[in-house]
Amino acid sequence: MNPYDVLIRPLLTEKITTIREIKNAVAFAVHVKATRIEIRRAVEKVFSVKVASVNVMNVRGKMKRQGRFLGRRSDWRKALVTLKAGEKMELYETA
């Protein structure tokens, strides 16, 4: 799988920002079928950093309603990538 297909978008929330400062970790929304090894290789190739570990979570889509009609958001996958000591990711540092 192409590294640019594995990583969908970075996740920037208040909770993830706190984790980034404490654990030197960043989070991404990733392809639903991506494995830990594919995510590690994609982050290392795209951002030129060394990865210490990858934690992956499956997030279930929420039920939503528009008036009387019920719908459901898509399920998605989240990856928390911990960088090795001394590594920085330029994507997050320029904000």
N, C-alpha and C. Protein backbone atom coordinates (compact mmCIF):
# COMPACT_ATOMS: atom_id res chain seq x y z
N MET A 1 0.85 -1.18 0.00
CA MET A 1 0.00 0.00 0.00
C MET A 1 0.90 1.25 0.00
N ASN A 2 0.52 2.23 -0.77
CA ASN A 2 1.25 3.49 -0.87
C ASN A 2 1.22 4.22 0.48
N PRO A 3 2.37 4.79 0.95
CA PRO A 3 2.38 5.49 2.24
C PRO A 3 1.37 6.63 2.32
N TYR A 4 1.11 7.27 1.20
CA TYR A 4 0.16 8.38 1.19
C TYR A 4 -1.29 7.89 1.23
N ASP A 5 -1.51 6.61 0.94
CA ASP A 5 -2.84 6.02 1.09
C ASP A 5 -3.07 5.54 2.52
N VAL A 6 -2.00 5.19 3.22
CA VAL A 6 -2.12 4.70 4.59
C VAL A 6 -2.52 5.84 5.53
N LEU A 7 -1.82 6.97 5.44
CA LEU A 7 -2.09 8.12 6.31
C LEU A 7 -3.15 9.00 5.67
N ILE A 8 -4.29 9.14 6.31
CA ILE A 8 -5.38 9.93 5.75
C ILE A 8 -5.26 11.39 6.17
N ARG A 9 -5.13 11.64 7.49
CA ARG A 9 -5.00 13.02 7.96
C ARG A 9 -4.45 12.99 9.38
N PRO A 10 -3.77 14.06 9.79
CA PRO A 10 -3.35 14.14 11.20
C PRO A 10 -4.54 14.53 12.07
N LEU A 11 -4.48 14.12 13.31
CA LEU A 11 -5.54 14.45 14.26
C LEU A 11 -4.99 15.49 15.23
N LEU A 12 -5.68 16.61 15.33
CA LEU A 12 -5.27 17.69 16.22
C LEU A 12 -6.41 18.02 17.18
N THR A 13 -6.36 17.41 18.35
CA THR A 13 -7.34 17.69 19.38
C THR A 13 -6.60 18.12 20.64
N GLU A 14 -7.33 18.60 21.60
CA GLU A 14 -6.71 19.04 22.86
C GLU A 14 -6.06 17.86 23.58
N LYS A 15 -6.72 16.73 23.59
CA LYS A 15 -6.18 15.55 24.26
C LYS A 15 -4.91 15.05 23.58
N ILE A 16 -4.91 15.02 22.26
CA ILE A 16 -3.74 14.56 21.51
C ILE A 16 -2.58 15.54 21.64
N THR A 17 -2.88 16.83 21.73
CA THR A 17 -1.83 17.83 21.94
C THR A 17 -1.15 17.61 23.29
N THR A 18 -1.90 17.28 24.32
CA THR A 18 -1.33 16.99 25.62
C THR A 18 -0.46 15.73 25.56
N ILE A 19 -0.94 14.70 24.89
CA ILE A 19 -0.16 13.46 24.74
C ILE A 19 1.12 13.73 23.96
N ARG A 20 1.05 14.60 22.95
CA ARG A 20 2.22 14.93 22.15
C ARG A 20 3.31 15.56 23.02
N GLU A 21 2.92 16.44 23.92
CA GLU A 21 3.89 17.10 24.78
C GLU A 21 4.48 16.16 25.82
N ILE A 22 3.68 15.24 26.35
CA ILE A 22 4.14 14.34 27.41
C ILE A 22 4.92 13.15 26.85
N LYS A 23 4.38 12.48 25.83
CA LYS A 23 4.96 11.23 25.34
C LYS A 23 5.70 11.34 24.01
N ASN A 24 5.77 12.53 23.41
CA ASN A 24 6.39 12.72 22.09
C ASN A 24 5.70 11.80 21.07
N ALA A 25 4.36 11.87 21.04
CA ALA A 25 3.57 11.03 20.15
C ALA A 25 2.66 11.91 19.30
N VAL A 26 2.34 11.42 18.11
CA VAL A 26 1.42 12.11 17.20
C VAL A 26 0.33 11.13 16.78
N ALA A 27 -0.80 11.66 16.34
CA ALA A 27 -1.92 10.80 15.99
C ALA A 27 -2.37 11.06 14.56
N PHE A 28 -2.82 10.00 13.91
CA PHE A 28 -3.30 10.08 12.53
C PHE A 28 -4.57 9.26 12.38
N ALA A 29 -5.44 9.70 11.49
CA ALA A 29 -6.51 8.85 10.99
C ALA A 29 -5.88 8.06 9.86
N VAL A 30 -6.00 6.74 9.90
CA VAL A 30 -5.33 5.89 8.93
C VAL A 30 -6.35 5.03 8.20
N HIS A 31 -5.89 4.39 7.13
CA HIS A 31 -6.74 3.50 6.34
C HIS A 31 -7.25 2.38 7.23
N VAL A 32 -8.47 1.96 7.01
CA VAL A 32 -9.13 0.97 7.87
C VAL A 32 -8.39 -0.36 7.87
N LYS A 33 -7.75 -0.73 6.78
CA LYS A 33 -7.06 -2.02 6.70
C LYS A 33 -5.56 -1.92 6.91
N ALA A 34 -5.06 -0.75 7.33
CA ALA A 34 -3.62 -0.56 7.53
C ALA A 34 -3.18 -1.28 8.80
N THR A 35 -2.01 -1.92 8.74
CA THR A 35 -1.44 -2.61 9.90
C THR A 35 -0.44 -1.69 10.59
N ARG A 36 0.02 -2.11 11.77
CA ARG A 36 0.99 -1.33 12.52
C ARG A 36 2.28 -1.14 11.72
N ILE A 37 2.72 -2.18 11.06
CA ILE A 37 3.97 -2.11 10.28
C ILE A 37 3.83 -1.16 9.11
N GLU A 38 2.71 -1.19 8.42
CA GLU A 38 2.47 -0.27 7.31
C GLU A 38 2.42 1.18 7.80
N ILE A 39 1.80 1.41 8.94
CA ILE A 39 1.71 2.76 9.50
C ILE A 39 3.10 3.25 9.88
N ARG A 40 3.90 2.41 10.52
CA ARG A 40 5.26 2.77 10.90
C ARG A 40 6.09 3.15 9.67
N ARG A 41 6.05 2.33 8.64
CA ARG A 41 6.82 2.60 7.42
C ARG A 41 6.35 3.88 6.74
N ALA A 42 5.04 4.12 6.72
CA ALA A 42 4.50 5.31 6.08
C ALA A 42 4.95 6.57 6.80
N VAL A 43 4.89 6.58 8.13
CA VAL A 43 5.30 7.76 8.90
C VAL A 43 6.80 8.00 8.73
N GLU A 44 7.59 6.95 8.78
CA GLU A 44 9.04 7.10 8.64
C GLU A 44 9.41 7.61 7.25
N LYS A 45 8.70 7.15 6.23
CA LYS A 45 9.01 7.56 4.86
C LYS A 45 8.53 8.98 4.57
N VAL A 46 7.32 9.31 4.95
CA VAL A 46 6.73 10.61 4.61
C VAL A 46 7.36 11.74 5.43
N PHE A 47 7.60 11.51 6.71
CA PHE A 47 8.06 12.59 7.59
C PHE A 47 9.54 12.50 7.96
N SER A 48 10.24 11.47 7.54
CA SER A 48 11.68 11.28 7.81
C SER A 48 12.00 11.35 9.30
N VAL A 49 11.28 10.57 10.08
CA VAL A 49 11.51 10.47 11.52
C VAL A 49 11.61 8.98 11.89
N LYS A 50 12.13 8.70 13.07
CA LYS A 50 12.22 7.34 13.58
C LYS A 50 11.07 7.09 14.55
N VAL A 51 10.38 5.97 14.38
CA VAL A 51 9.21 5.64 15.17
C VAL A 51 9.59 4.62 16.24
N ALA A 52 9.18 4.87 17.48
CA ALA A 52 9.44 3.94 18.57
C ALA A 52 8.33 2.89 18.66
N SER A 53 7.07 3.31 18.59
CA SER A 53 5.96 2.36 18.68
C SER A 53 4.72 2.93 18.00
N VAL A 54 3.80 2.03 17.69
CA VAL A 54 2.53 2.40 17.05
C VAL A 54 1.40 1.71 17.79
N ASN A 55 0.43 2.48 18.26
CA ASN A 55 -0.79 1.94 18.87
C ASN A 55 -1.95 2.26 17.94
N VAL A 56 -2.83 1.28 17.71
CA VAL A 56 -3.91 1.44 16.75
C VAL A 56 -5.24 1.19 17.44
N MET A 57 -6.23 2.05 17.13
CA MET A 57 -7.56 1.91 17.70
C MET A 57 -8.60 1.94 16.59
N ASN A 58 -9.61 1.11 16.71
CA ASN A 58 -10.74 1.17 15.79
C ASN A 58 -11.82 2.02 16.45
N VAL A 59 -12.27 3.06 15.75
CA VAL A 59 -13.27 3.97 16.28
C VAL A 59 -14.59 3.69 15.56
N ARG A 60 -15.62 3.42 16.35
CA ARG A 60 -16.93 3.14 15.76
C ARG A 60 -17.63 4.44 15.41
N GLY A 61 -18.32 4.44 14.28
CA GLY A 61 -19.06 5.62 13.85
C GLY A 61 -20.28 5.87 14.73
N LYS A 62 -20.60 7.14 14.92
CA LYS A 62 -21.72 7.51 15.79
C LYS A 62 -23.03 7.45 15.02
N MET A 63 -24.10 7.21 15.76
CA MET A 63 -25.44 7.30 15.19
C MET A 63 -25.84 8.77 15.16
N LYS A 64 -26.33 9.23 14.04
CA LYS A 64 -26.75 10.63 13.88
C LYS A 64 -28.15 10.64 13.29
N ARG A 65 -28.88 11.70 13.59
CA ARG A 65 -30.20 11.83 12.99
C ARG A 65 -30.40 13.22 12.44
N GLN A 66 -31.11 13.27 11.35
CA GLN A 66 -31.48 14.52 10.68
C GLN A 66 -33.00 14.52 10.65
N GLY A 67 -33.61 15.19 11.61
CA GLY A 67 -35.07 15.15 11.70
C GLY A 67 -35.52 13.77 12.12
N ARG A 68 -36.33 13.12 11.30
CA ARG A 68 -36.81 11.79 11.66
C ARG A 68 -35.97 10.68 11.04
N PHE A 69 -34.95 11.03 10.27
CA PHE A 69 -34.13 10.04 9.59
C PHE A 69 -32.87 9.72 10.40
N LEU A 70 -32.63 8.45 10.60
CA LEU A 70 -31.44 8.00 11.31
C LEU A 70 -30.36 7.63 10.32
N GLY A 71 -29.14 7.93 10.67
CA GLY A 71 -28.00 7.56 9.85
C GLY A 71 -26.84 7.20 10.76
N ARG A 72 -25.77 6.78 10.14
CA ARG A 72 -24.61 6.37 10.91
C ARG A 72 -23.36 6.85 10.21
N ARG A 73 -22.43 7.43 10.97
CA ARG A 73 -21.15 7.81 10.41
C ARG A 73 -20.30 6.57 10.20
N SER A 74 -19.31 6.69 9.33
CA SER A 74 -18.45 5.55 9.02
C SER A 74 -17.52 5.23 10.18
N ASP A 75 -17.17 3.94 10.30
CA ASP A 75 -16.14 3.53 11.24
C ASP A 75 -14.80 3.97 10.68
N TRP A 76 -13.84 4.27 11.57
CA TRP A 76 -12.52 4.68 11.11
C TRP A 76 -11.46 4.16 12.07
N ARG A 77 -10.22 4.36 11.71
CA ARG A 77 -9.10 3.80 12.47
C ARG A 77 -8.14 4.92 12.85
N LYS A 78 -7.70 4.90 14.10
CA LYS A 78 -6.81 5.93 14.63
C LYS A 78 -5.50 5.28 15.03
N ALA A 79 -4.38 5.96 14.72
CA ALA A 79 -3.06 5.46 15.10
C ALA A 79 -2.35 6.50 15.95
N LEU A 80 -1.82 6.07 17.08
CA LEU A 80 -1.01 6.92 17.94
C LEU A 80 0.43 6.48 17.77
N VAL A 81 1.24 7.33 17.14
CA VAL A 81 2.62 6.99 16.78
C VAL A 81 3.56 7.69 17.75
N THR A 82 4.32 6.91 18.51
CA THR A 82 5.30 7.46 19.44
C THR A 82 6.65 7.55 18.73
N LEU A 83 7.24 8.74 18.76
CA LEU A 83 8.53 8.97 18.11
C LEU A 83 9.66 8.68 19.08
N LYS A 84 10.83 8.34 18.54
CA LYS A 84 11.99 8.09 19.38
C LYS A 84 12.46 9.41 20.00
N ALA A 85 13.22 9.31 21.08
CA ALA A 85 13.69 10.49 21.81
C ALA A 85 14.52 11.38 20.88
N GLY A 86 14.24 12.68 20.92
CA GLY A 86 14.98 13.63 20.10
C GLY A 86 14.38 13.88 18.73
N GLU A 87 13.39 13.12 18.34
CA GLU A 87 12.76 13.28 17.03
C GLU A 87 11.62 14.30 17.13
N LYS A 88 11.46 15.11 16.09
CA LYS A 88 10.36 16.06 15.98
C LYS A 88 9.71 15.91 14.62
N MET A 89 8.42 16.19 14.57
CA MET A 89 7.70 16.15 13.32
C MET A 89 7.37 17.56 12.90
N GLU A 90 7.83 17.98 11.74
CA GLU A 90 7.66 19.37 11.27
C GLU A 90 6.19 19.75 11.09
N LEU A 91 5.35 18.78 10.81
CA LEU A 91 3.92 19.03 10.60
C LEU A 91 3.30 19.70 11.82
N TYR A 92 3.69 19.28 13.01
CA TYR A 92 3.09 19.79 14.23
C TYR A 92 3.84 21.00 14.78
N GLU A 93 5.10 21.17 14.43
CA GLU A 93 5.90 22.23 15.01
C GLU A 93 5.67 23.58 14.35
N THR A 94 5.11 23.63 13.13
CA THR A 94 4.93 24.88 12.43
C THR A 94 3.62 25.58 12.74
N ALA A 95 2.77 24.97 13.56
CA ALA A 95 1.45 25.54 13.85
C ALA A 95 1.51 26.76 14.72
